C-alpha atoms as a PDB file:
ATOM      1  CA  MET A   1       1.116  23.878  33.360  1.00  0.00           C
ATOM      2  CA  ARG A   2      -2.012  22.794  35.150  1.00  0.00           C
ATOM      3  CA  LEU A   3      -3.301  26.210  35.638  1.00  0.00           C
ATOM      4  CA  LYS A   4      -2.765  27.104  32.032  1.00  0.00           C
ATOM      5  CA  LEU A   5      -4.596  23.864  31.040  1.00  0.00           C
ATOM      6  CA  PHE A   6      -7.508  24.784  33.216  1.00  0.00           C
ATOM      7  CA  GLN A   7      -7.546  28.508  31.648  1.00  0.00           C
ATOM      8  CA  TYR A   8      -7.745  26.973  28.158  1.00  0.00           C
ATOM      9  CA  CYS A   9     -10.423  24.565  29.231  1.00  0.00           C
ATOM     10  CA  LEU A  10     -12.478  27.485  30.751  1.00  0.00           C
ATOM     11  CA  PHE A  11     -11.768  29.572  27.616  1.00  0.00           C
ATOM     12  CA  PHE A  12     -13.000  27.038  25.082  1.00  0.00           C
ATOM     13  CA  LEU A  13     -16.002  26.052  27.289  1.00  0.00           C
ATOM     14  CA  GLY A  14     -16.754  29.770  27.126  1.00  0.00           C
ATOM     15  CA  LEU A  15     -16.443  29.751  23.378  1.00  0.00           C
ATOM     16  CA  THR A  16     -18.778  26.734  23.148  1.00  0.00           C
ATOM     17  CA  PHE A  17     -21.377  28.452  25.313  1.00  0.00           C
ATOM     18  CA  PHE A  18     -21.215  31.520  23.348  1.00  0.00           C
ATOM     19  CA  GLY A  19     -21.556  29.661  19.917  1.00  0.00           C
ATOM     20  CA  LEU A  20     -24.476  27.577  21.275  1.00  0.00           C
ATOM     21  CA  GLY A  21     -26.213  30.870  22.532  1.00  0.00           C
ATOM     22  CA  ASN A  22     -25.786  32.504  19.059  1.00  0.00           C
ATOM     23  CA  ALA A  23     -27.222  29.202  17.492  1.00  0.00           C
ATOM     24  CA  ILE A  24     -30.137  29.255  19.630  1.00  0.00           C
ATOM     25  CA  ALA A  25     -30.708  32.946  18.829  1.00  0.00           C
ATOM     26  CA  VAL A  26     -30.543  32.403  15.192  1.00  0.00           C
ATOM     27  CA  LYS A  27     -33.326  29.608  15.291  1.00  0.00           C
ATOM     28  CA  VAL A  28     -35.775  32.482  16.292  1.00  0.00           C
ATOM     29  CA  LYS A  29     -34.066  35.165  14.300  1.00  0.00           C
ATOM     30  CA  TYR A  30     -37.244  36.715  13.139  1.00  0.00           C
ATOM     31  CA  VAL A  31     -37.641  38.359  16.584  1.00  0.00           C
ATOM     32  CA  GLY A  32     -34.303  40.074  16.108  1.00  0.00           C
ATOM     33  CA  LEU A  33     -30.539  39.488  16.663  1.00  0.00           C
ATOM     34  CA  HIS A  34     -27.444  41.187  18.060  1.00  0.00           C
ATOM     35  CA  PRO A  35     -26.168  43.810  15.353  1.00  0.00           C
ATOM     36  CA  TRP A  36     -23.082  41.471  14.404  1.00  0.00           C
ATOM     37  CA  GLU A  37     -25.484  38.454  13.933  1.00  0.00           C
ATOM     38  CA  VAL A  38     -27.904  40.633  11.774  1.00  0.00           C
ATOM     39  CA  LEU A  39     -25.023  41.483   9.601  1.00  0.00           C
ATOM     40  CA  ASN A  40     -23.804  37.752   9.413  1.00  0.00           C
ATOM     41  CA  VAL A  41     -27.234  36.539   8.736  1.00  0.00           C
ATOM     42  CA  ALA A  42     -27.536  39.194   5.913  1.00  0.00           C
ATOM     43  CA  LEU A  43     -24.333  38.202   4.296  1.00  0.00           C
ATOM     44  CA  TYR A  44     -25.284  34.546   4.497  1.00  0.00           C
ATOM     45  CA  GLN A  45     -28.631  35.327   2.786  1.00  0.00           C
ATOM     46  CA  HIS A  46     -26.987  37.375   0.064  1.00  0.00           C
ATOM     47  CA  PHE A  47     -23.818  35.412  -0.628  1.00  0.00           C
ATOM     48  CA  GLY A  48     -24.070  31.960   0.803  1.00  0.00           C
ATOM     49  CA  LEU A  49     -21.378  30.258   2.784  1.00  0.00           C
ATOM     50  CA  THR A  50     -22.622  29.875   6.426  1.00  0.00           C
ATOM     51  CA  ILE A  51     -23.633  32.266   9.195  1.00  0.00           C
ATOM     52  CA  GLY A  52     -20.714  31.180  11.182  1.00  0.00           C
ATOM     53  CA  THR A  53     -18.115  31.458   8.311  1.00  0.00           C
ATOM     54  CA  TRP A  54     -19.200  35.087   7.945  1.00  0.00           C
ATOM     55  CA  GLY A  55     -18.574  35.522  11.589  1.00  0.00           C
ATOM     56  CA  VAL A  56     -15.154  34.076  11.149  1.00  0.00           C
ATOM     57  CA  ILE A  57     -14.617  36.493   8.212  1.00  0.00           C
ATOM     58  CA  CYS A  58     -15.823  39.594   9.909  1.00  0.00           C
ATOM     59  CA  GLY A  59     -13.688  38.741  13.089  1.00  0.00           C
ATOM     60  CA  LEU A  60     -10.582  38.260  10.969  1.00  0.00           C
ATOM     61  CA  VAL A  61     -11.255  41.637   9.209  1.00  0.00           C
ATOM     62  CA  LEU A  62     -11.414  43.320  12.687  1.00  0.00           C
ATOM     63  CA  ILE A  63      -8.340  41.627  13.652  1.00  0.00           C
ATOM     64  CA  ILE A  64      -6.426  42.973  10.655  1.00  0.00           C
ATOM     65  CA  ILE A  65      -7.800  46.541  11.271  1.00  0.00           C
ATOM     66  CA  SER A  66      -6.669  46.263  14.950  1.00  0.00           C
ATOM     67  CA  PHE A  67      -3.313  45.017  13.864  1.00  0.00           C
ATOM     68  CA  PHE A  68      -2.517  48.351  12.191  1.00  0.00           C
ATOM     69  CA  VAL A  69      -4.407  50.543  14.734  1.00  0.00           C
ATOM     70  CA  ALA A  70      -3.590  48.998  18.184  1.00  0.00           C
ATOM     71  CA  ARG A  71      -1.962  45.561  17.931  1.00  0.00           C
ATOM     72  CA  ASN A  72      -1.422  45.162  21.614  1.00  0.00           C
ATOM     73  CA  TYR A  73      -4.986  44.043  21.855  1.00  0.00           C
ATOM     74  CA  ILE A  74      -4.469  41.014  19.685  1.00  0.00           C
ATOM     75  CA  SER A  75      -3.426  37.817  21.373  1.00  0.00           C
ATOM     76  CA  LEU A  76      -3.752  33.931  20.773  1.00  0.00           C
ATOM     77  CA  GLY A  77      -7.097  34.258  22.429  1.00  0.00           C
ATOM     78  CA  THR A  78      -8.295  36.802  20.100  1.00  0.00           C
ATOM     79  CA  ILE A  79      -7.539  34.692  16.970  1.00  0.00           C
ATOM     80  CA  LEU A  80      -9.013  31.690  18.514  1.00  0.00           C
ATOM     81  CA  ASN A  81     -12.068  33.402  19.401  1.00  0.00           C
ATOM     82  CA  ALA A  82     -12.420  34.699  15.811  1.00  0.00           C
ATOM     83  CA  LEU A  83     -11.758  31.048  14.355  1.00  0.00           C
ATOM     84  CA  CYS A  84     -13.884  29.077  16.782  1.00  0.00           C
ATOM     85  CA  ILE A  85     -17.131  30.627  17.484  1.00  0.00           C
ATOM     86  CA  GLY A  86     -18.443  30.626  14.074  1.00  0.00           C
ATOM     87  CA  PRO A  87     -17.902  26.849  13.315  1.00  0.00           C
ATOM     88  CA  ILE A  88     -19.271  26.047  16.907  1.00  0.00           C
ATOM     89  CA  MET A  89     -22.334  27.889  16.090  1.00  0.00           C
ATOM     90  CA  ASP A  90     -22.632  26.256  12.627  1.00  0.00           C
ATOM     91  CA  PHE A  91     -22.195  22.886  14.408  1.00  0.00           C
ATOM     92  CA  PHE A  92     -24.936  23.388  16.647  1.00  0.00           C
ATOM     93  CA  LEU A  93     -27.166  24.497  13.708  1.00  0.00           C
ATOM     94  CA  TRP A  94     -26.078  21.544  11.671  1.00  0.00           C
ATOM     95  CA  LEU A  95     -27.035  19.040  14.505  1.00  0.00           C
ATOM     96  CA  ASP A  96     -30.685  20.230  14.280  1.00  0.00           C
ATOM     97  CA  ILE A  97     -31.256  19.725  17.954  1.00  0.00           C
ATOM     98  CA  LEU A  98     -32.257  23.329  18.966  1.00  0.00           C
ATOM     99  CA  PRO A  99     -35.822  24.481  19.614  1.00  0.00           C
ATOM    100  CA  LYS A 100     -37.266  25.729  16.404  1.00  0.00           C
ATOM    101  CA  ALA A 101     -39.319  28.890  15.951  1.00  0.00           C
ATOM    102  CA  THR A 102     -42.985  28.460  17.082  1.00  0.00           C
ATOM    103  CA  ASN A 103     -44.163  31.841  15.944  1.00  0.00           C
ATOM    104  CA  THR A 104     -45.700  32.460  19.474  1.00  0.00           C
ATOM    105  CA  TRP A 105     -44.531  34.219  22.608  1.00  0.00           C
ATOM    106  CA  LEU A 106     -42.429  31.178  23.352  1.00  0.00           C
ATOM    107  CA  ASP A 107     -40.070  32.244  20.796  1.00  0.00           C
ATOM    108  CA  TYR A 108     -39.005  35.188  23.059  1.00  0.00           C
ATOM    109  CA  LEU A 109     -38.208  32.831  25.651  1.00  0.00           C
ATOM    110  CA  ILE A 110     -35.989  30.630  23.326  1.00  0.00           C
ATOM    111  CA  LEU A 111     -34.237  33.897  22.294  1.00  0.00           C
ATOM    112  CA  LEU A 112     -33.832  34.922  26.027  1.00  0.00           C
ATOM    113  CA  SER A 113     -32.295  31.628  26.750  1.00  0.00           C
ATOM    114  CA  GLY A 114     -29.841  32.061  24.001  1.00  0.00           C
ATOM    115  CA  VAL A 115     -28.871  35.610  25.098  1.00  0.00           C
ATOM    116  CA  VAL A 116     -28.259  34.328  28.783  1.00  0.00           C
ATOM    117  CA  ILE A 117     -26.070  31.458  27.445  1.00  0.00           C
ATOM    118  CA  THR A 118     -24.074  33.835  25.295  1.00  0.00           C
ATOM    119  CA  GLY A 119     -23.562  36.128  28.132  1.00  0.00           C
ATOM    120  CA  ILE A 120     -22.525  33.424  30.406  1.00  0.00           C
ATOM    121  CA  GLY A 121     -20.092  32.141  27.784  1.00  0.00           C
ATOM    122  CA  GLY A 122     -18.684  35.585  27.184  1.00  0.00           C
ATOM    123  CA  GLY A 123     -17.822  35.932  30.874  1.00  0.00           C
ATOM    124  CA  MET A 124     -16.261  32.618  30.955  1.00  0.00           C
ATOM    125  CA  TYR A 125     -13.803  33.145  28.030  1.00  0.00           C
ATOM    126  CA  VAL A 126     -12.833  36.623  29.160  1.00  0.00           C
ATOM    127  CA  ALA A 127     -12.305  35.517  32.754  1.00  0.00           C
ATOM    128  CA  ALA A 128      -9.941  32.861  31.607  1.00  0.00           C
ATOM    129  CA  GLY A 129      -7.408  35.608  30.731  1.00  0.00           C
ATOM    130  CA  ILE A 130      -6.404  33.889  27.185  1.00  0.00           C
ATOM    131  CA  GLY A 131      -7.281  37.310  25.422  1.00  0.00           C
ATOM    132  CA  ALA A 132     -10.372  39.454  24.373  1.00  0.00           C
ATOM    133  CA  GLY A 133     -12.366  38.558  21.342  1.00  0.00           C
ATOM    134  CA  PRO A 134     -11.742  40.397  18.151  1.00  0.00           C
ATOM    135  CA  ARG A 135     -14.783  42.674  18.553  1.00  0.00           C
ATOM    136  CA  ASP A 136     -13.825  43.582  21.925  1.00  0.00           C
ATOM    137  CA  GLY A 137     -10.273  44.277  20.815  1.00  0.00           C
ATOM    138  CA  PHE A 138     -11.626  46.360  18.041  1.00  0.00           C
ATOM    139  CA  MET A 139     -13.610  48.555  20.329  1.00  0.00           C
ATOM    140  CA  LEU A 140     -10.734  49.178  22.559  1.00  0.00           C
ATOM    141  CA  SER A 141      -8.475  50.002  19.613  1.00  0.00           C
ATOM    142  CA  ILE A 142     -10.967  52.567  18.564  1.00  0.00           C
ATOM    143  CA  SER A 143     -11.315  54.010  21.821  1.00  0.00           C
ATOM    144  CA  ASP A 144      -7.534  54.376  22.154  1.00  0.00           C
ATOM    145  CA  LYS A 145      -7.072  56.179  18.813  1.00  0.00           C
ATOM    146  CA  THR A 146     -10.125  58.561  19.448  1.00  0.00           C
ATOM    147  CA  SER A 147     -11.460  60.531  22.251  1.00  0.00           C
ATOM    148  CA  LEU A 148     -14.314  58.157  22.558  1.00  0.00           C
ATOM    149  CA  SER A 149     -14.898  55.885  25.587  1.00  0.00           C
ATOM    150  CA  VAL A 150     -15.128  52.128  25.128  1.00  0.00           C
ATOM    151  CA  SER A 151     -18.984  52.209  25.456  1.00  0.00           C
ATOM    152  CA  GLN A 152     -19.283  55.132  23.089  1.00  0.00           C
ATOM    153  CA  ALA A 153     -17.243  53.250  20.581  1.00  0.00           C
ATOM    154  CA  ARG A 154     -19.139  50.121  20.865  1.00  0.00           C
ATOM    155  CA  MET A 155     -22.348  51.963  20.566  1.00  0.00           C
ATOM    156  CA  ILE A 156     -21.166  53.831  17.319  1.00  0.00           C
ATOM    157  CA  VAL A 157     -19.623  50.707  15.682  1.00  0.00           C
ATOM    158  CA  GLU A 158     -22.489  48.421  16.422  1.00  0.00           C
ATOM    159  CA  SER A 159     -24.984  51.076  15.257  1.00  0.00           C
ATOM    160  CA  PHE A 160     -23.051  51.234  11.910  1.00  0.00           C
ATOM    161  CA  VAL A 161     -22.903  47.355  11.743  1.00  0.00           C
ATOM    162  CA  LEU A 162     -26.733  47.190  12.423  1.00  0.00           C
ATOM    163  CA  VAL A 163     -27.364  49.748   9.728  1.00  0.00           C
ATOM    164  CA  ILE A 164     -25.471  47.600   7.105  1.00  0.00           C
ATOM    165  CA  GLY A 165     -26.985  44.482   8.099  1.00  0.00           C
ATOM    166  CA  PHE A 166     -30.529  46.200   8.049  1.00  0.00           C
ATOM    167  CA  LEU A 167     -29.850  47.511   4.473  1.00  0.00           C
ATOM    168  CA  LEU A 168     -28.827  44.078   3.399  1.00  0.00           C
ATOM    169  CA  GLY A 169     -31.990  42.538   4.788  1.00  0.00           C
ATOM    170  CA  GLY A 170     -30.820  41.206   7.980  1.00  0.00           C
ATOM    171  CA  PRO A 171     -33.297  40.334  10.769  1.00  0.00           C
ATOM    172  CA  VAL A 172     -33.758  43.466  12.748  1.00  0.00           C
ATOM    173  CA  PHE A 173     -36.786  43.577  15.228  1.00  0.00           C
ATOM    174  CA  ILE A 174     -37.631  44.418  18.919  1.00  0.00           C
ATOM    175  CA  ALA A 175     -35.117  41.807  20.488  1.00  0.00           C
ATOM    176  CA  THR A 176     -32.288  43.652  18.616  1.00  0.00           C
ATOM    177  CA  PHE A 177     -32.748  46.688  20.757  1.00  0.00           C
ATOM    178  CA  LEU A 178     -33.013  44.690  23.992  1.00  0.00           C
ATOM    179  CA  TYR A 179     -29.881  42.680  23.531  1.00  0.00           C
ATOM    180  CA  THR A 180     -27.625  45.117  25.333  1.00  0.00           C
ATOM    181  CA  PHE A 181     -29.897  45.413  28.332  1.00  0.00           C
ATOM    182  CA  ILE A 182     -30.086  41.751  28.784  1.00  0.00           C
ATOM    183  CA  GLN A 183     -26.744  40.255  27.541  1.00  0.00           C
ATOM    184  CA  SER A 184     -24.420  42.931  29.210  1.00  0.00           C
ATOM    185  CA  PRO A 185     -25.682  42.417  32.900  1.00  0.00           C
ATOM    186  CA  VAL A 186     -25.401  38.615  32.438  1.00  0.00           C
ATOM    187  CA  PHE A 187     -21.888  38.902  30.956  1.00  0.00           C
ATOM    188  CA  GLN A 188     -20.822  41.154  33.809  1.00  0.00           C
ATOM    189  CA  ARG A 189     -22.055  38.805  36.451  1.00  0.00           C
ATOM    190  CA  SER A 190     -20.531  35.777  34.684  1.00  0.00           C
ATOM    191  CA  LEU A 191     -17.357  37.785  34.274  1.00  0.00           C
ATOM    192  CA  MET A 192     -17.083  38.372  38.121  1.00  0.00           C
ATOM    193  CA  LEU A 193     -18.089  34.970  39.079  1.00  0.00           C
ATOM    194  CA  PHE A 194     -15.550  33.223  36.896  1.00  0.00           C
ATOM    195  CA  LYS A 195     -12.789  35.791  37.705  1.00  0.00           C
ATOM    196  CA  VAL A 196     -13.214  34.787  41.288  1.00  0.00           C
ATOM    197  CA  PHE A 197     -13.099  31.249  40.255  1.00  0.00           C
ATOM    198  CA  VAL A 198      -9.843  31.546  38.355  1.00  0.00           C
ATOM    199  CA  GLU A 199      -8.277  33.532  41.073  1.00  0.00           C
ATOM    200  CA  LYS A 200      -9.161  31.017  43.678  1.00  0.00           C
ATOM    201  CA  VAL A 201      -7.430  28.182  41.432  1.00  0.00           C
ATOM    202  CA  LYS A 202      -4.286  30.398  41.107  1.00  0.00           C
ATOM    203  CA  VAL A 203      -3.962  30.680  44.797  1.00  0.00           C
ATOM    204  CA  LYS A 204      -4.677  27.069  45.353  1.00  0.00           C
ATOM    205  CA  LYS A 205      -1.864  26.478  42.752  1.00  0.00           C
ATOM    206  CA  GLY A 206       0.498  28.822  44.345  1.00  0.00           C
ATOM    207  CA  GLU A 207      -0.049  27.242  47.885  1.00  0.00           C
ATOM    208  CA  THR A 208       0.615  23.799  46.391  1.00  0.00           C
ATOM    209  CA  GLN A 209       3.917  25.058  44.843  1.00  0.00           C
ATOM    210  CA  GLU A 210       4.984  26.483  48.284  1.00  0.00           C
ATOM    211  CA  ARG A 211       4.327  23.160  49.926  1.00  0.00           C
ATOM    212  CA  ILE A 212       6.391  21.412  47.309  1.00  0.00           C
ATOM    213  CA  ALA A 213       9.216  23.987  47.726  1.00  0.00           C
END
């Protein structure tokens, strides 16, 4: 029970970091955003609601598609991910405490901090073992049903999303094309670190149970 509680705490902490990182990036969106955020911002600019709400809607659409394509990639964590990150991001934006765009080189440092925080958060919630996010599950389901690797499926899907976001007037600029080169290594490092942490907690929990027995 305590192990599961720990996993959920790590999972929600990861979602919080992910939402915070996205919110920071959105504050300097003119230098470029991740393809999915480009789409969310474009939809917000055209149809209203909030950026986070469009993130939720897109996530739920991907879950529905994955349900018919490869539902084994859908879990409670996938649904929680789709429902929580958007509102968390909107909450940080609503607080209005994040650094604002200065229209100088400092904005690239602000964006970098957002990308790093997002990468750390992604590693945390995946390492928790509660379930992959809707976008990750969608990429895996596409990979399963085609001859594409997961990385190829991700490149094709995100390129398609980026084109739609760009055509709708979303913020595409230099940083958009740097996201993968920065966020992915941070994510991988964070995932490895927190996986080791989770495994240590599991081992400690097992040793405690053996002593009790």
